[in-house]
Structure formats: C-alpha cells, structure tokens
C-alpha cells in the first residue's frame, strides 16, 4: 500500500487530487457511468459527489479504487 498525502494519491495508475473528476464503473449500482467530483482522498479510494440537473444539492458517494477511473478532468466550480 502506498502512502496517501493530503494533496493527492496514486490510484488506477494516475495521481488523484481533490477537485478531480472520476467516472464510476458502469456496473456500479445507480451511480454507474456518472462523473464524480472528488472531495476527499481515502486509503481505500475516494469520496465525492454527483451534481444532478434539476435536483437541489449534491449526492455523495464513496468509491473503492476498483470502482472508478480517472478522467483527467478538473472541476472548475466545486460545491462548498
């Protein structure tokens, strides 16, 4: 297991940081295929949220490293 740092972690062969966008494995329950904004790096994966159109607030999700892939994208506006 690699050490995790506040600024990011190495997962799925890419450095993941807060504000990065990852995509949920399509086979994962109701969030399959969704884009998730990473809010926290965890030892087992990430925590983040999905912003849905027409729905107030965000839906938070925790993903193990095997349940997502990095997209290389960054969120410009991040929910507070």
C-alpha atoms as a PDB file:
ATOM      1  CA  UNK A   1       0.000   0.000   0.000  1.00  0.00           C
ATOM      2  CA  UNK A   2       1.317   3.426  -0.930  1.00  0.00           C
ATOM      3  CA  UNK A   3       1.225   6.354   1.485  1.00  0.00           C
ATOM      4  CA  UNK A   4      -1.512   8.907   0.869  1.00  0.00           C
ATOM      5  CA  UNK A   5      -0.897  12.624   1.072  1.00  0.00           C
ATOM      6  CA  UNK A   6      -3.367  15.489   1.570  1.00  0.00           C
ATOM      7  CA  UNK A   7      -2.685  16.803  -1.943  1.00  0.00           C
ATOM      8  CA  UNK A   8      -3.396  13.504  -3.679  1.00  0.00           C
ATOM      9  CA  UNK A   9      -2.799   9.802  -4.043  1.00  0.00           C
ATOM     10  CA  UNK A  10      -1.775   7.364  -6.725  1.00  0.00           C
ATOM     11  CA  UNK A  11      -4.812   5.291  -7.811  1.00  0.00           C
ATOM     12  CA  UNK A  12      -5.519   3.433 -11.028  1.00  0.00           C
ATOM     13  CA  UNK A  13      -2.022   4.456 -12.217  1.00  0.00           C
ATOM     14  CA  UNK A  14      -2.848   8.185 -12.006  1.00  0.00           C
ATOM     15  CA  UNK A  15      -2.485  10.786  -9.272  1.00  0.00           C
ATOM     16  CA  UNK A  16      -5.907  11.686  -7.884  1.00  0.00           C
ATOM     17  CA  UNK A  17      -6.464  15.017  -6.106  1.00  0.00           C
ATOM     18  CA  UNK A  18      -9.406  16.857  -4.584  1.00  0.00           C
ATOM     19  CA  UNK A  19     -11.374  18.544  -7.383  1.00  0.00           C
ATOM     20  CA  UNK A  20     -10.508  15.846  -9.949  1.00  0.00           C
ATOM     21  CA  UNK A  21     -13.300  14.209 -11.908  1.00  0.00           C
ATOM     22  CA  UNK A  22     -13.554  10.426 -11.962  1.00  0.00           C
ATOM     23  CA  UNK A  23     -16.089   8.203 -13.712  1.00  0.00           C
ATOM     24  CA  UNK A  24     -17.911   5.433 -11.877  1.00  0.00           C
ATOM     25  CA  UNK A  25     -17.689   1.916 -13.294  1.00  0.00           C
ATOM     26  CA  UNK A  26     -20.880   1.412 -15.383  1.00  0.00           C
ATOM     27  CA  UNK A  27     -21.641  -1.792 -13.461  1.00  0.00           C
ATOM     28  CA  UNK A  28     -21.802   0.033 -10.097  1.00  0.00           C
ATOM     29  CA  UNK A  29     -25.431   0.322  -8.902  1.00  0.00           C
ATOM     30  CA  UNK A  30     -27.330   3.565  -9.602  1.00  0.00           C
ATOM     31  CA  UNK A  31     -24.232   5.766  -9.998  1.00  0.00           C
ATOM     32  CA  UNK A  32     -22.756   3.656 -12.820  1.00  0.00           C
ATOM     33  CA  UNK A  33     -21.317   5.885 -15.561  1.00  0.00           C
ATOM     34  CA  UNK A  34     -21.686   9.087 -13.525  1.00  0.00           C
ATOM     35  CA  UNK A  35     -18.970  11.716 -13.281  1.00  0.00           C
ATOM     36  CA  UNK A  36     -17.916  12.359  -9.682  1.00  0.00           C
ATOM     37  CA  UNK A  37     -16.068  15.399  -8.298  1.00  0.00           C
ATOM     38  CA  UNK A  38     -13.530  14.105  -5.749  1.00  0.00           C
ATOM     39  CA  UNK A  39     -13.793  15.838  -2.363  1.00  0.00           C
ATOM     40  CA  UNK A  40     -11.638  13.523  -0.222  1.00  0.00           C
ATOM     41  CA  UNK A  41      -8.873  11.007  -0.767  1.00  0.00           C
ATOM     42  CA  UNK A  42      -9.243   7.889   1.368  1.00  0.00           C
ATOM     43  CA  UNK A  43      -6.931   4.911   1.962  1.00  0.00           C
ATOM     44  CA  UNK A  44      -9.409   2.665   0.110  1.00  0.00           C
ATOM     45  CA  UNK A  45     -10.435   5.091  -2.681  1.00  0.00           C
ATOM     46  CA  UNK A  46     -12.238   8.429  -2.887  1.00  0.00           C
ATOM     47  CA  UNK A  47     -15.289  10.270  -1.658  1.00  0.00           C
ATOM     48  CA  UNK A  48     -17.018  12.747  -3.915  1.00  0.00           C
ATOM     49  CA  UNK A  49     -20.302  13.992  -5.256  1.00  0.00           C
ATOM     50  CA  UNK A  50     -22.521  13.909  -8.312  1.00  0.00           C
ATOM     51  CA  UNK A  51     -24.318  17.126  -9.273  1.00  0.00           C
ATOM     52  CA  UNK A  52     -27.691  16.293 -10.822  1.00  0.00           C
ATOM     53  CA  UNK A  53     -29.621  18.662 -13.075  1.00  0.00           C
ATOM     54  CA  UNK A  54     -32.840  19.923 -11.533  1.00  0.00           C
ATOM     55  CA  UNK A  55     -32.107  18.374  -8.132  1.00  0.00           C
ATOM     56  CA  UNK A  56     -31.061  20.690  -5.310  1.00  0.00           C
ATOM     57  CA  UNK A  57     -27.811  19.774  -3.567  1.00  0.00           C
ATOM     58  CA  UNK A  58     -25.334  17.024  -4.308  1.00  0.00           C
ATOM     59  CA  UNK A  59     -25.442  13.256  -3.983  1.00  0.00           C
ATOM     60  CA  UNK A  60     -22.333  11.985  -2.190  1.00  0.00           C
ATOM     61  CA  UNK A  61     -20.708   8.638  -2.950  1.00  0.00           C
ATOM     62  CA  UNK A  62     -17.730   6.665  -1.682  1.00  0.00           C
ATOM     63  CA  UNK A  63     -15.824   4.652  -4.275  1.00  0.00           C
ATOM     64  CA  UNK A  64     -13.196   1.974  -3.819  1.00  0.00           C
ATOM     65  CA  UNK A  65     -10.239   2.290  -6.195  1.00  0.00           C
ATOM     66  CA  UNK A  66     -11.539  -0.536  -8.403  1.00  0.00           C
ATOM     67  CA  UNK A  67     -14.940   1.164  -8.836  1.00  0.00           C
ATOM     68  CA  UNK A  68     -13.806   4.263 -10.772  1.00  0.00           C
ATOM     69  CA  UNK A  69     -11.436   5.515 -13.453  1.00  0.00           C
ATOM     70  CA  UNK A  70      -9.753   8.933 -13.549  1.00  0.00           C
ATOM     71  CA  UNK A  71     -10.877  11.123 -16.464  1.00  0.00           C
ATOM     72  CA  UNK A  72      -8.034  13.628 -16.302  1.00  0.00           C
ATOM     73  CA  UNK A  73     -10.607  16.391 -15.850  1.00  0.00           C
ATOM     74  CA  UNK A  74     -10.839  19.054 -13.140  1.00  0.00           C
ATOM     75  CA  UNK A  75     -13.947  20.684 -11.734  1.00  0.00           C
ATOM     76  CA  UNK A  76     -13.853  24.462 -12.201  1.00  0.00           C
ATOM     77  CA  UNK A  77     -16.652  25.201  -9.735  1.00  0.00           C
ATOM     78  CA  UNK A  78     -16.743  22.948  -6.681  1.00  0.00           C
ATOM     79  CA  UNK A  79     -19.695  22.777  -4.274  1.00  0.00           C
ATOM     80  CA  UNK A  80     -18.897  24.185  -0.848  1.00  0.00           C
END
